[in-house]
Amino acid sequence: MARISVLGGTGYTGSALVEEASRRGHQVTSVSRHEPAGRADGVDYLIGSVLDPDVLDTAVRGHDVVIEAVSPRGDMVGKEEGLLDRLIELTPSTGTRLGVVGGVSSLLVEEGGPRLFDVNEVEPEVLPEIETGLALLETLKAAPDDVDWFYVSPALSYGAWAPAPDTGTYRLSDDVLLTDEAGNSAISAADLARAILDEIEQPKHRRRRFHAAH
């Protein structure tokens, strides 16, 4: 059993992670600014902003893994970068593994090919979120050697606005976008959570990014 803290634990990805980790019998702490719609049995809830040093310290200390699943939207625009810097400072001293749920734009369209970001037209309103995802990955790659991290890129079509079936399965890639026979790239929150919990239970991507899709 691992002690897992999920930052953004009531969000789309975070709530799926909390549910999957709890289902597997891990000790789970959900960290969010707001009370969840309902509290699950066996889950600890830490209510407060992850930008509050005391809240973040509590979320990290005493945990084997902390997963940063905060969405860089709304009043969190431009603030997730600083949050990651603080996590990089905190986790080595506590022996906590750091997981970051990031974006898809840094993935390659093919082996040795350009990034999605370099070939896709980006709407101005989502550019800050995409740039954050790119920056977080580069920050992790440059982190000191004593930071045990992993970064997860979901499928191209992922989010509450793009529901996908819960298949109970997933495929993994390191840096190349996965698509199905029709050229679609999608995954459900539940299946992404399975991929992340499998990585926690059997680490295969230490200080590396991985990508999960159906």
C-alpha atoms as a PDB file:
ATOM      1  CA  MET A   1       0.000   0.000   0.000  1.00  0.00           C
ATOM      2  CA  ALA A   2       1.307   3.433  -0.950  1.00  0.00           C
ATOM      3  CA  ARG A   3       0.455   6.778   0.589  1.00  0.00           C
ATOM      4  CA  ILE A   4      -0.679   8.887  -2.366  1.00  0.00           C
ATOM      5  CA  SER A   5      -1.541  12.581  -2.409  1.00  0.00           C
ATOM      6  CA  VAL A   6      -3.477  13.999  -5.380  1.00  0.00           C
ATOM      7  CA  LEU A   7      -3.277  17.759  -5.936  1.00  0.00           C
ATOM      8  CA  GLY A   8      -6.452  18.790  -7.715  1.00  0.00           C
ATOM      9  CA  GLY A   9      -8.190  15.723  -6.323  1.00  0.00           C
ATOM     10  CA  THR A  10     -11.719  16.882  -7.159  1.00  0.00           C
ATOM     11  CA  GLY A  11     -10.974  17.736 -10.805  1.00  0.00           C
ATOM     12  CA  TYR A  12     -11.630  15.608 -13.885  1.00  0.00           C
ATOM     13  CA  THR A  13      -8.365  13.683 -13.750  1.00  0.00           C
ATOM     14  CA  GLY A  14      -7.789  14.048 -10.026  1.00  0.00           C
ATOM     15  CA  SER A  15     -11.106  12.534  -9.004  1.00  0.00           C
ATOM     16  CA  ALA A  16     -10.458   9.510 -11.236  1.00  0.00           C
ATOM     17  CA  LEU A  17      -7.027   9.093  -9.650  1.00  0.00           C
ATOM     18  CA  VAL A  18      -8.462   9.303  -6.133  1.00  0.00           C
ATOM     19  CA  GLU A  19     -11.121   6.716  -6.993  1.00  0.00           C
ATOM     20  CA  GLU A  20      -8.693   4.278  -8.631  1.00  0.00           C
ATOM     21  CA  ALA A  21      -6.055   4.592  -5.905  1.00  0.00           C
ATOM     22  CA  SER A  22      -8.658   4.073  -3.183  1.00  0.00           C
ATOM     23  CA  ARG A  23     -10.146   1.093  -5.039  1.00  0.00           C
ATOM     24  CA  ARG A  24      -6.705  -0.537  -5.049  1.00  0.00           C
ATOM     25  CA  GLY A  25      -6.359  -0.121  -1.312  1.00  0.00           C
ATOM     26  CA  HIS A  26      -3.859   2.732  -1.203  1.00  0.00           C
ATOM     27  CA  GLN A  27      -3.962   5.430   1.461  1.00  0.00           C
ATOM     28  CA  VAL A  28      -5.204   8.476  -0.466  1.00  0.00           C
ATOM     29  CA  THR A  29      -5.271  12.196   0.293  1.00  0.00           C
ATOM     30  CA  SER A  30      -7.323  14.429  -2.012  1.00  0.00           C
ATOM     31  CA  VAL A  31      -6.157  18.041  -2.011  1.00  0.00           C
ATOM     32  CA  SER A  32      -8.467  20.745  -3.363  1.00  0.00           C
ATOM     33  CA  ARG A  33      -9.650  24.256  -2.652  1.00  0.00           C
ATOM     34  CA  HIS A  34     -13.271  23.210  -2.439  1.00  0.00           C
ATOM     35  CA  GLU A  35     -15.185  20.456  -0.718  1.00  0.00           C
ATOM     36  CA  PRO A  36     -15.999  17.536  -3.043  1.00  0.00           C
ATOM     37  CA  ALA A  37     -19.612  16.857  -3.967  1.00  0.00           C
ATOM     38  CA  GLY A  38     -19.347  13.766  -1.790  1.00  0.00           C
ATOM     39  CA  ARG A  39     -16.645  12.272   0.397  1.00  0.00           C
ATOM     40  CA  ALA A  40     -15.540   8.711  -0.331  1.00  0.00           C
ATOM     41  CA  ASP A  41     -14.930   6.275   2.501  1.00  0.00           C
ATOM     42  CA  GLY A  42     -11.262   5.769   3.287  1.00  0.00           C
ATOM     43  CA  VAL A  43     -10.071   8.956   1.554  1.00  0.00           C
ATOM     44  CA  ASP A  44      -8.553  11.866   3.486  1.00  0.00           C
ATOM     45  CA  TYR A  45      -9.559  15.326   2.264  1.00  0.00           C
ATOM     46  CA  LEU A  46      -7.254  18.310   2.629  1.00  0.00           C
ATOM     47  CA  ILE A  47      -9.143  21.489   1.770  1.00  0.00           C
ATOM     48  CA  GLY A  48      -6.990  24.463   0.842  1.00  0.00           C
ATOM     49  CA  SER A  49      -4.956  26.048  -1.935  1.00  0.00           C
ATOM     50  CA  VAL A  50      -1.856  24.224  -3.141  1.00  0.00           C
ATOM     51  CA  LEU A  51      -0.294  27.690  -3.406  1.00  0.00           C
ATOM     52  CA  ASP A  52      -0.426  27.901   0.393  1.00  0.00           C
ATOM     53  CA  PRO A  53       3.000  26.673   1.618  1.00  0.00           C
ATOM     54  CA  ASP A  54       1.491  24.987   4.676  1.00  0.00           C
ATOM     55  CA  VAL A  55      -1.106  23.122   2.612  1.00  0.00           C
ATOM     56  CA  LEU A  56       1.502  21.979   0.099  1.00  0.00           C
ATOM     57  CA  ASP A  57       3.886  20.873   2.829  1.00  0.00           C
ATOM     58  CA  THR A  58       1.104  18.793   4.418  1.00  0.00           C
ATOM     59  CA  ALA A  59       0.210  17.333   1.024  1.00  0.00           C
ATOM     60  CA  VAL A  60       3.782  16.154   0.437  1.00  0.00           C
ATOM     61  CA  ARG A  61       5.158  15.087   3.807  1.00  0.00           C
ATOM     62  CA  GLY A  62       4.261  11.576   4.886  1.00  0.00           C
ATOM     63  CA  HIS A  63       3.340  10.535   1.336  1.00  0.00           C
ATOM     64  CA  ASP A  64       5.154   8.140  -0.962  1.00  0.00           C
ATOM     65  CA  VAL A  65       3.812   9.797  -4.118  1.00  0.00           C
ATOM     66  CA  VAL A  66       2.322  13.201  -4.864  1.00  0.00           C
ATOM     67  CA  ILE A  67       0.498  13.639  -8.178  1.00  0.00           C
ATOM     68  CA  GLU A  68       0.120  17.154  -9.519  1.00  0.00           C
ATOM     69  CA  ALA A  69      -3.178  17.103 -11.429  1.00  0.00           C
ATOM     70  CA  VAL A  70      -4.060  20.788 -11.119  1.00  0.00           C
ATOM     71  CA  SER A  71      -5.585  22.422 -14.183  1.00  0.00           C
ATOM     72  CA  PRO A  72      -3.757  25.579 -15.358  1.00  0.00           C
ATOM     73  CA  ARG A  73      -7.001  27.440 -15.996  1.00  0.00           C
ATOM     74  CA  GLY A  74      -8.883  30.279 -14.384  1.00  0.00           C
ATOM     75  CA  ASP A  75      -6.991  31.816 -11.490  1.00  0.00           C
ATOM     76  CA  MET A  76      -4.292  29.128 -11.818  1.00  0.00           C
ATOM     77  CA  VAL A  77      -3.095  30.459 -15.182  1.00  0.00           C
ATOM     78  CA  GLY A  78       0.620  31.160 -14.912  1.00  0.00           C
ATOM     79  CA  LYS A  79       0.878  29.733 -11.386  1.00  0.00           C
ATOM     80  CA  GLU A  80       1.433  26.036 -12.012  1.00  0.00           C
ATOM     81  CA  GLU A  81       5.051  26.642 -12.976  1.00  0.00           C
ATOM     82  CA  GLY A  82       5.782  28.042  -9.516  1.00  0.00           C
ATOM     83  CA  LEU A  83       3.909  25.160  -7.912  1.00  0.00           C
ATOM     84  CA  LEU A  84       6.141  22.676  -9.700  1.00  0.00           C
ATOM     85  CA  ASP A  85       9.258  24.569  -8.632  1.00  0.00           C
ATOM     86  CA  ARG A  86       8.159  24.229  -5.013  1.00  0.00           C
ATOM     87  CA  LEU A  87       7.398  20.509  -5.430  1.00  0.00           C
ATOM     88  CA  ILE A  88      10.861  19.982  -6.893  1.00  0.00           C
ATOM     89  CA  GLU A  89      12.289  21.624  -3.776  1.00  0.00           C
ATOM     90  CA  LEU A  90      10.140  19.643  -1.338  1.00  0.00           C
ATOM     91  CA  THR A  91      10.033  16.075  -2.632  1.00  0.00           C
ATOM     92  CA  PRO A  92      13.709  15.037  -2.361  1.00  0.00           C
ATOM     93  CA  SER A  93      13.801  15.776   1.379  1.00  0.00           C
ATOM     94  CA  THR A  94      10.657  13.724   2.000  1.00  0.00           C
ATOM     95  CA  GLY A  95      11.512  10.846  -0.354  1.00  0.00           C
ATOM     96  CA  THR A  96       8.270  11.496  -2.217  1.00  0.00           C
ATOM     97  CA  ARG A  97       7.924  10.530  -5.865  1.00  0.00           C
ATOM     98  CA  LEU A  98       6.512  13.351  -7.997  1.00  0.00           C
ATOM     99  CA  GLY A  99       4.027  12.712 -10.780  1.00  0.00           C
ATOM    100  CA  VAL A 100       2.746  15.451 -13.094  1.00  0.00           C
ATOM    101  CA  VAL A 101      -0.298  15.111 -15.350  1.00  0.00           C
ATOM    102  CA  GLY A 102       0.625  17.397 -18.223  1.00  0.00           C
ATOM    103  CA  GLY A 103      -0.330  18.058 -21.803  1.00  0.00           C
ATOM    104  CA  VAL A 104      -0.160  16.358 -25.163  1.00  0.00           C
ATOM    105  CA  SER A 105       1.400  19.105 -27.301  1.00  0.00           C
ATOM    106  CA  SER A 106       4.973  18.029 -26.556  1.00  0.00           C
ATOM    107  CA  LEU A 107       4.375  14.590 -28.101  1.00  0.00           C
ATOM    108  CA  LEU A 108       5.875  13.807 -31.498  1.00  0.00           C
ATOM    109  CA  VAL A 109       3.515  13.156 -34.406  1.00  0.00           C
ATOM    110  CA  GLU A 110       5.820  10.320 -35.486  1.00  0.00           C
ATOM    111  CA  GLU A 111       9.163   8.844 -34.493  1.00  0.00           C
ATOM    112  CA  GLY A 112      11.774  11.540 -35.029  1.00  0.00           C
ATOM    113  CA  GLY A 113       9.085  13.913 -36.236  1.00  0.00           C
ATOM    114  CA  PRO A 114       7.917  17.337 -35.074  1.00  0.00           C
ATOM    115  CA  ARG A 115       5.883  17.969 -31.950  1.00  0.00           C
ATOM    116  CA  LEU A 116       2.136  18.370 -32.137  1.00  0.00           C
ATOM    117  CA  PHE A 117       2.679  21.931 -30.970  1.00  0.00           C
ATOM    118  CA  ASP A 118       4.811  22.631 -34.024  1.00  0.00           C
ATOM    119  CA  VAL A 119       2.285  21.384 -36.586  1.00  0.00           C
ATOM    120  CA  ASN A 120      -1.135  22.099 -35.047  1.00  0.00           C
ATOM    121  CA  GLU A 121      -2.840  25.464 -35.205  1.00  0.00           C
ATOM    122  CA  VAL A 122      -3.418  26.639 -31.636  1.00  0.00           C
ATOM    123  CA  GLU A 123      -6.340  28.819 -30.586  1.00  0.00           C
ATOM    124  CA  PRO A 124      -5.125  31.898 -28.666  1.00  0.00           C
ATOM    125  CA  GLU A 125      -7.371  31.175 -25.681  1.00  0.00           C
ATOM    126  CA  VAL A 126      -5.758  27.783 -25.013  1.00  0.00           C
ATOM    127  CA  LEU A 127      -2.168  28.804 -25.785  1.00  0.00           C
ATOM    128  CA  PRO A 128      -1.280  29.645 -22.145  1.00  0.00           C
ATOM    129  CA  GLU A 129      -2.408  26.184 -21.005  1.00  0.00           C
ATOM    130  CA  ILE A 130      -0.390  24.487 -23.741  1.00  0.00           C
ATOM    131  CA  GLU A 131       2.691  26.563 -22.974  1.00  0.00           C
ATOM    132  CA  THR A 132       2.393  25.565 -19.316  1.00  0.00           C
ATOM    133  CA  GLY A 133       2.360  21.880 -20.257  1.00  0.00           C
ATOM    134  CA  LEU A 134       5.467  22.335 -22.381  1.00  0.00           C
ATOM    135  CA  ALA A 135       7.238  24.292 -19.643  1.00  0.00           C
ATOM    136  CA  LEU A 136       6.470  21.757 -16.909  1.00  0.00           C
ATOM    137  CA  LEU A 137       8.057  18.924 -18.875  1.00  0.00           C
ATOM    138  CA  GLU A 138      11.206  20.929 -19.567  1.00  0.00           C
ATOM    139  CA  THR A 139      11.426  21.929 -15.903  1.00  0.00           C
ATOM    140  CA  LEU A 140      11.260  18.291 -14.824  1.00  0.00           C
ATOM    141  CA  LYS A 141      13.906  17.273 -17.331  1.00  0.00           C
ATOM    142  CA  ALA A 142      16.210  19.894 -15.824  1.00  0.00           C
ATOM    143  CA  ALA A 143      15.414  18.955 -12.207  1.00  0.00           C
ATOM    144  CA  PRO A 144      18.227  17.778  -9.906  1.00  0.00           C
ATOM    145  CA  ASP A 145      19.042  14.082  -9.997  1.00  0.00           C
ATOM    146  CA  ASP A 146      17.507  13.498  -6.564  1.00  0.00           C
ATOM    147  CA  VAL A 147      14.015  14.372  -7.831  1.00  0.00           C
ATOM    148  CA  ASP A 148      12.168  11.130  -8.655  1.00  0.00           C
ATOM    149  CA  TRP A 149       9.567  12.256 -11.195  1.00  0.00           C
ATOM    150  CA  PHE A 150       7.310  11.100 -13.999  1.00  0.00           C
ATOM    151  CA  TYR A 151       5.225  13.151 -16.424  1.00  0.00           C
ATOM    152  CA  VAL A 152       2.084  11.812 -18.077  1.00  0.00           C
ATOM    153  CA  SER A 153       0.709  12.997 -21.416  1.00  0.00           C
ATOM    154  CA  PRO A 154      -2.902  11.924 -22.018  1.00  0.00           C
ATOM    155  CA  ALA A 155      -4.406  11.332 -25.446  1.00  0.00           C
ATOM    156  CA  LEU A 156      -5.049  14.157 -27.908  1.00  0.00           C
ATOM    157  CA  SER A 157      -8.787  13.943 -27.239  1.00  0.00           C
ATOM    158  CA  TYR A 158      -9.042  14.034 -23.455  1.00  0.00           C
ATOM    159  CA  GLY A 159     -11.173  15.917 -20.953  1.00  0.00           C
ATOM    160  CA  ALA A 160     -14.686  16.338 -19.634  1.00  0.00           C
ATOM    161  CA  TRP A 161     -15.644  17.799 -23.013  1.00  0.00           C
ATOM    162  CA  ALA A 162     -14.395  14.701 -24.863  1.00  0.00           C
ATOM    163  CA  PRO A 163     -15.772  11.648 -23.023  1.00  0.00           C
ATOM    164  CA  ALA A 164     -14.268   8.308 -24.034  1.00  0.00           C
ATOM    165  CA  PRO A 165     -15.428   4.799 -23.104  1.00  0.00           C
ATOM    166  CA  ASP A 166     -14.020   3.163 -20.003  1.00  0.00           C
ATOM    167  CA  THR A 167     -12.356   0.131 -21.571  1.00  0.00           C
ATOM    168  CA  GLY A 168     -10.219  -1.090 -18.682  1.00  0.00           C
ATOM    169  CA  THR A 169      -7.228  -1.063 -21.033  1.00  0.00           C
ATOM    170  CA  TYR A 170      -4.679   1.388 -22.390  1.00  0.00           C
ATOM    171  CA  ARG A 171      -1.547   1.554 -24.534  1.00  0.00           C
ATOM    172  CA  LEU A 172       1.679   3.343 -23.651  1.00  0.00           C
ATOM    173  CA  SER A 173       4.251   5.295 -25.613  1.00  0.00           C
ATOM    174  CA  ASP A 174       7.228   7.376 -24.567  1.00  0.00           C
ATOM    175  CA  ASP A 175       7.156  10.393 -26.884  1.00  0.00           C
ATOM    176  CA  VAL A 176       5.103   9.506 -29.975  1.00  0.00           C
ATOM    177  CA  LEU A 177       1.349  10.159 -30.174  1.00  0.00           C
ATOM    178  CA  LEU A 178      -0.754   6.992 -30.175  1.00  0.00           C
ATOM    179  CA  THR A 179      -3.740   6.777 -32.524  1.00  0.00           C
ATOM    180  CA  ASP A 180      -6.219   4.052 -33.439  1.00  0.00           C
ATOM    181  CA  GLU A 181      -6.871   2.677 -36.928  1.00  0.00           C
ATOM    182  CA  ALA A 182      -9.110   5.648 -37.694  1.00  0.00           C
ATOM    183  CA  GLY A 183      -6.426   8.109 -36.621  1.00  0.00           C
ATOM    184  CA  ASN A 184      -8.136   9.063 -33.365  1.00  0.00           C
ATOM    185  CA  SER A 185      -6.290   9.527 -30.084  1.00  0.00           C
ATOM    186  CA  ALA A 186      -8.486   9.257 -26.995  1.00  0.00           C
ATOM    187  CA  ILE A 187      -8.626   7.871 -23.463  1.00  0.00           C
ATOM    188  CA  SER A 188     -11.053   8.006 -20.560  1.00  0.00           C
ATOM    189  CA  ALA A 189     -10.143   9.497 -17.186  1.00  0.00           C
ATOM    190  CA  ALA A 190     -10.606   6.071 -15.592  1.00  0.00           C
ATOM    191  CA  ASP A 191      -8.186   4.395 -17.995  1.00  0.00           C
ATOM    192  CA  LEU A 192      -5.629   7.186 -17.635  1.00  0.00           C
ATOM    193  CA  ALA A 193      -5.872   6.719 -13.871  1.00  0.00           C
ATOM    194  CA  ARG A 194      -5.218   2.993 -14.316  1.00  0.00           C
ATOM    195  CA  ALA A 195      -2.073   3.761 -16.307  1.00  0.00           C
ATOM    196  CA  ILE A 196      -0.822   6.149 -13.627  1.00  0.00           C
ATOM    197  CA  LEU A 197      -1.570   3.782 -10.735  1.00  0.00           C
ATOM    198  CA  ASP A 198       0.163   0.955 -12.590  1.00  0.00           C
ATOM    199  CA  GLU A 199       3.226   3.204 -12.891  1.00  0.00           C
ATOM    200  CA  ILE A 200       3.097   3.937  -9.176  1.00  0.00           C
ATOM    201  CA  GLU A 201       2.815   0.275  -8.263  1.00  0.00           C
ATOM    202  CA  GLN A 202       5.411  -0.924 -10.783  1.00  0.00           C
ATOM    203  CA  PRO A 203       7.655   2.013 -11.760  1.00  0.00           C
ATOM    204  CA  LYS A 204       8.958   1.876 -15.317  1.00  0.00           C
ATOM    205  CA  HIS A 205       9.336   5.570 -16.126  1.00  0.00           C
ATOM    206  CA  ARG A 206      11.590   7.090 -13.512  1.00  0.00           C
ATOM    207  CA  ARG A 207      12.573  10.632 -14.533  1.00  0.00           C
ATOM    208  CA  ARG A 208      10.762  10.076 -17.821  1.00  0.00           C
ATOM    209  CA  ARG A 209       7.560  11.032 -19.603  1.00  0.00           C
ATOM    210  CA  PHE A 210       5.013   8.490 -20.803  1.00  0.00           C
ATOM    211  CA  HIS A 211       1.886   8.805 -22.906  1.00  0.00           C
ATOM    212  CA  ALA A 212      -1.312   6.772 -22.475  1.00  0.00           C
ATOM    213  CA  ALA A 213      -4.144   6.299 -24.951  1.00  0.00           C
ATOM    214  CA  HIS A 214      -6.669   3.665 -26.016  1.00  0.00           C
END
